[in-house]
Amino acid sequence: MRSSARKRVFNLRRTRNMKDVVKEIKDAVSAGKANEVKAKLSEAYKAIDKAAKRGVIKKNTASRKKSRLSALLKKSAQ
């Protein structure tokens, strides 16, 4: 139980980090800050990949999230 509780803290931290970065990107897109989005995109990819690597999310979920973020960036650039 102790090890599960410890791992839960790490998993929650990774999940929160991933969600925060994605939220920042979506807010920046809605505000029309395209150059800020490009800078945050690599940070989001890093957080998503780390979450997938550690088993917090599955590989296909990570791919889907990254794909949707890049599509959002592409759409906002138009």
N, C-alpha and C. Protein backbone atom coordinates (compact mmCIF):
# COMPACT_ATOMS: atom_id res chain seq x y z
N MET A 1 0.81 -1.20 0.00
CA MET A 1 0.00 0.00 0.00
C MET A 1 0.86 1.26 0.00
N ARG A 2 1.97 1.20 0.72
CA ARG A 2 2.83 2.39 0.78
C ARG A 2 3.43 2.70 -0.58
N SER A 3 3.85 1.66 -1.28
CA SER A 3 4.46 1.89 -2.60
C SER A 3 3.41 2.37 -3.59
N SER A 4 2.19 1.87 -3.48
CA SER A 4 1.11 2.33 -4.36
C SER A 4 0.79 3.79 -4.10
N ALA A 5 0.78 4.18 -2.84
CA ALA A 5 0.51 5.57 -2.49
C ALA A 5 1.61 6.48 -3.02
N ARG A 6 2.85 6.01 -2.94
CA ARG A 6 3.98 6.80 -3.44
C ARG A 6 3.91 6.95 -4.96
N LYS A 7 3.62 5.85 -5.65
CA LYS A 7 3.51 5.89 -7.11
C LYS A 7 2.34 6.76 -7.54
N ARG A 8 1.26 6.75 -6.77
CA ARG A 8 0.08 7.56 -7.07
C ARG A 8 0.45 9.04 -7.10
N VAL A 9 1.30 9.46 -6.16
CA VAL A 9 1.73 10.85 -6.11
C VAL A 9 2.49 11.22 -7.38
N PHE A 10 3.39 10.36 -7.80
CA PHE A 10 4.16 10.63 -9.02
C PHE A 10 3.26 10.65 -10.25
N ASN A 11 2.31 9.70 -10.31
CA ASN A 11 1.39 9.63 -11.44
C ASN A 11 0.50 10.86 -11.50
N LEU A 12 0.01 11.29 -10.35
CA LEU A 12 -0.82 12.50 -10.31
C LEU A 12 -0.02 13.73 -10.75
N ARG A 13 1.24 13.78 -10.35
CA ARG A 13 2.09 14.91 -10.74
C ARG A 13 2.29 14.94 -12.26
N ARG A 14 2.53 13.77 -12.86
CA ARG A 14 2.71 13.70 -14.31
C ARG A 14 1.42 14.06 -15.03
N THR A 15 0.30 13.56 -14.53
CA THR A 15 -0.99 13.86 -15.15
C THR A 15 -1.30 15.35 -15.06
N ARG A 16 -1.08 15.93 -13.91
CA ARG A 16 -1.36 17.36 -13.70
C ARG A 16 -0.47 18.20 -14.61
N ASN A 17 0.79 17.85 -14.71
CA ASN A 17 1.73 18.58 -15.56
C ASN A 17 1.27 18.53 -17.02
N MET A 18 0.89 17.35 -17.47
CA MET A 18 0.44 17.18 -18.84
C MET A 18 -0.82 18.01 -19.11
N LYS A 19 -1.79 17.92 -18.21
CA LYS A 19 -3.04 18.66 -18.40
C LYS A 19 -2.83 20.16 -18.36
N ASP A 20 -1.93 20.62 -17.50
CA ASP A 20 -1.67 22.06 -17.40
C ASP A 20 -1.08 22.61 -18.69
N VAL A 21 -0.12 21.89 -19.26
CA VAL A 21 0.51 22.36 -20.49
C VAL A 21 -0.49 22.38 -21.64
N VAL A 22 -1.32 21.34 -21.73
CA VAL A 22 -2.33 21.28 -22.79
C VAL A 22 -3.32 22.43 -22.63
N LYS A 23 -3.69 22.71 -21.40
CA LYS A 23 -4.62 23.79 -21.13
C LYS A 23 -4.01 25.15 -21.51
N GLU A 24 -2.73 25.34 -21.21
CA GLU A 24 -2.04 26.58 -21.57
C GLU A 24 -2.04 26.77 -23.08
N ILE A 25 -1.83 25.69 -23.82
CA ILE A 25 -1.82 25.77 -25.28
C ILE A 25 -3.20 26.15 -25.79
N LYS A 26 -4.24 25.51 -25.25
CA LYS A 26 -5.60 25.82 -25.70
C LYS A 26 -5.98 27.25 -25.38
N ASP A 27 -5.56 27.74 -24.21
CA ASP A 27 -5.84 29.13 -23.85
C ASP A 27 -5.11 30.10 -24.77
N ALA A 28 -3.86 29.78 -25.11
CA ALA A 28 -3.08 30.63 -25.99
C ALA A 28 -3.68 30.65 -27.39
N VAL A 29 -4.20 29.52 -27.86
CA VAL A 29 -4.83 29.45 -29.18
C VAL A 29 -6.08 30.32 -29.20
N SER A 30 -6.89 30.22 -28.15
CA SER A 30 -8.11 31.01 -28.11
C SER A 30 -7.81 32.50 -27.98
N ALA A 31 -6.66 32.85 -27.38
CA ALA A 31 -6.25 34.24 -27.26
C ALA A 31 -5.56 34.75 -28.53
N GLY A 32 -5.21 33.84 -29.43
CA GLY A 32 -4.58 34.22 -30.69
C GLY A 32 -3.08 34.45 -30.61
N LYS A 33 -2.42 33.78 -29.70
CA LYS A 33 -0.97 33.91 -29.53
C LYS A 33 -0.27 32.73 -30.19
N ALA A 34 -0.12 32.79 -31.49
CA ALA A 34 0.42 31.65 -32.25
C ALA A 34 1.88 31.37 -31.91
N ASN A 35 2.68 32.41 -31.72
CA ASN A 35 4.11 32.18 -31.44
C ASN A 35 4.30 31.55 -30.06
N GLU A 36 3.43 31.87 -29.10
CA GLU A 36 3.51 31.26 -27.78
C GLU A 36 3.14 29.78 -27.84
N VAL A 37 2.20 29.46 -28.72
CA VAL A 37 1.76 28.07 -28.88
C VAL A 37 2.89 27.21 -29.41
N LYS A 38 3.62 27.72 -30.39
CA LYS A 38 4.73 26.95 -30.95
C LYS A 38 5.79 26.65 -29.90
N ALA A 39 6.03 27.61 -29.01
CA ALA A 39 7.02 27.40 -27.96
C ALA A 39 6.54 26.36 -26.95
N LYS A 40 5.26 26.35 -26.66
CA LYS A 40 4.70 25.43 -25.67
C LYS A 40 4.49 24.03 -26.22
N LEU A 41 4.43 23.89 -27.55
CA LEU A 41 4.12 22.61 -28.16
C LEU A 41 5.16 21.54 -27.80
N SER A 42 6.43 21.89 -27.85
CA SER A 42 7.47 20.91 -27.51
C SER A 42 7.40 20.53 -26.04
N GLU A 43 7.04 21.48 -25.20
CA GLU A 43 6.88 21.21 -23.77
C GLU A 43 5.72 20.23 -23.53
N ALA A 44 4.65 20.43 -24.30
CA ALA A 44 3.49 19.53 -24.19
C ALA A 44 3.85 18.13 -24.67
N TYR A 45 4.56 18.05 -25.79
CA TYR A 45 4.98 16.74 -26.31
C TYR A 45 5.83 16.01 -25.27
N LYS A 46 6.71 16.74 -24.62
CA LYS A 46 7.59 16.14 -23.61
C LYS A 46 6.77 15.58 -22.45
N ALA A 47 5.79 16.37 -21.97
CA ALA A 47 4.97 15.93 -20.85
C ALA A 47 4.12 14.72 -21.24
N ILE A 48 3.57 14.75 -22.45
CA ILE A 48 2.73 13.64 -22.91
C ILE A 48 3.57 12.37 -23.08
N ASP A 49 4.75 12.51 -23.66
CA ASP A 49 5.62 11.35 -23.85
C ASP A 49 6.07 10.74 -22.53
N LYS A 50 6.37 11.60 -21.55
CA LYS A 50 6.78 11.09 -20.25
C LYS A 50 5.64 10.33 -19.58
N ALA A 51 4.42 10.86 -19.72
CA ALA A 51 3.26 10.19 -19.13
C ALA A 51 3.05 8.83 -19.79
N ALA A 52 3.24 8.77 -21.09
CA ALA A 52 3.07 7.50 -21.81
C ALA A 52 4.19 6.52 -21.45
N LYS A 53 5.38 7.02 -21.31
CA LYS A 53 6.52 6.17 -21.00
C LYS A 53 6.36 5.51 -19.63
N ARG A 54 5.81 6.23 -18.70
CA ARG A 54 5.65 5.72 -17.34
C ARG A 54 4.33 4.98 -17.11
N GLY A 55 3.49 4.90 -18.17
CA GLY A 55 2.26 4.13 -18.05
C GLY A 55 1.10 4.89 -17.45
N VAL A 56 1.22 6.21 -17.35
CA VAL A 56 0.12 7.01 -16.83
C VAL A 56 -1.01 7.05 -17.87
N ILE A 57 -0.61 7.19 -19.14
CA ILE A 57 -1.56 7.08 -20.24
C ILE A 57 -1.00 6.06 -21.23
N LYS A 58 -1.86 5.55 -22.10
CA LYS A 58 -1.41 4.56 -23.08
C LYS A 58 -0.78 5.25 -24.28
N LYS A 59 -0.05 4.47 -25.06
CA LYS A 59 0.70 5.00 -26.20
C LYS A 59 -0.23 5.64 -27.23
N ASN A 60 -1.34 4.98 -27.53
CA ASN A 60 -2.26 5.54 -28.53
C ASN A 60 -2.93 6.82 -28.02
N THR A 61 -3.18 6.89 -26.73
CA THR A 61 -3.76 8.09 -26.14
C THR A 61 -2.78 9.25 -26.28
N ALA A 62 -1.51 8.97 -26.06
CA ALA A 62 -0.47 9.99 -26.21
C ALA A 62 -0.41 10.47 -27.66
N SER A 63 -0.47 9.54 -28.59
CA SER A 63 -0.43 9.90 -30.01
C SER A 63 -1.63 10.75 -30.39
N ARG A 64 -2.79 10.38 -29.87
CA ARG A 64 -4.01 11.13 -30.17
C ARG A 64 -3.93 12.56 -29.61
N LYS A 65 -3.45 12.69 -28.39
CA LYS A 65 -3.33 14.02 -27.79
C LYS A 65 -2.36 14.89 -28.57
N LYS A 66 -1.23 14.33 -28.97
CA LYS A 66 -0.24 15.09 -29.73
C LYS A 66 -0.79 15.47 -31.10
N SER A 67 -1.51 14.56 -31.72
CA SER A 67 -2.10 14.83 -33.03
C SER A 67 -3.11 15.96 -32.95
N ARG A 68 -3.95 15.93 -31.93
CA ARG A 68 -4.97 16.96 -31.79
C ARG A 68 -4.36 18.32 -31.47
N LEU A 69 -3.27 18.32 -30.72
CA LEU A 69 -2.59 19.59 -30.43
C LEU A 69 -1.99 20.18 -31.70
N SER A 70 -1.35 19.34 -32.51
CA SER A 70 -0.76 19.84 -33.74
C SER A 70 -1.83 20.30 -34.73
N ALA A 71 -2.96 19.61 -34.74
CA ALA A 71 -4.08 20.03 -35.60
C ALA A 71 -4.64 21.37 -35.13
N LEU A 72 -4.69 21.55 -33.82
CA LEU A 72 -5.16 22.82 -33.26
C LEU A 72 -4.22 23.96 -33.63
N LEU A 73 -2.92 23.69 -33.58
CA LEU A 73 -1.93 24.69 -33.97
C LEU A 73 -2.06 25.04 -35.44
N LYS A 74 -2.23 24.02 -36.27
CA LYS A 74 -2.38 24.23 -37.71
C LYS A 74 -3.63 25.05 -38.01
N LYS A 75 -4.72 24.73 -37.31
CA LYS A 75 -5.98 25.43 -37.51
C LYS A 75 -5.88 26.90 -37.07
N SER A 76 -5.15 27.13 -35.98
CA SER A 76 -5.02 28.50 -35.48
C SER A 76 -4.12 29.36 -36.36
N ALA A 77 -3.22 28.71 -37.11
CA ALA A 77 -2.31 29.45 -37.99
C ALA A 77 -3.01 29.99 -39.23
N GLN A 78 -4.15 29.41 -39.58
CA GLN A 78 -4.86 29.83 -40.79
C GLN A 78 -5.57 31.14 -40.61
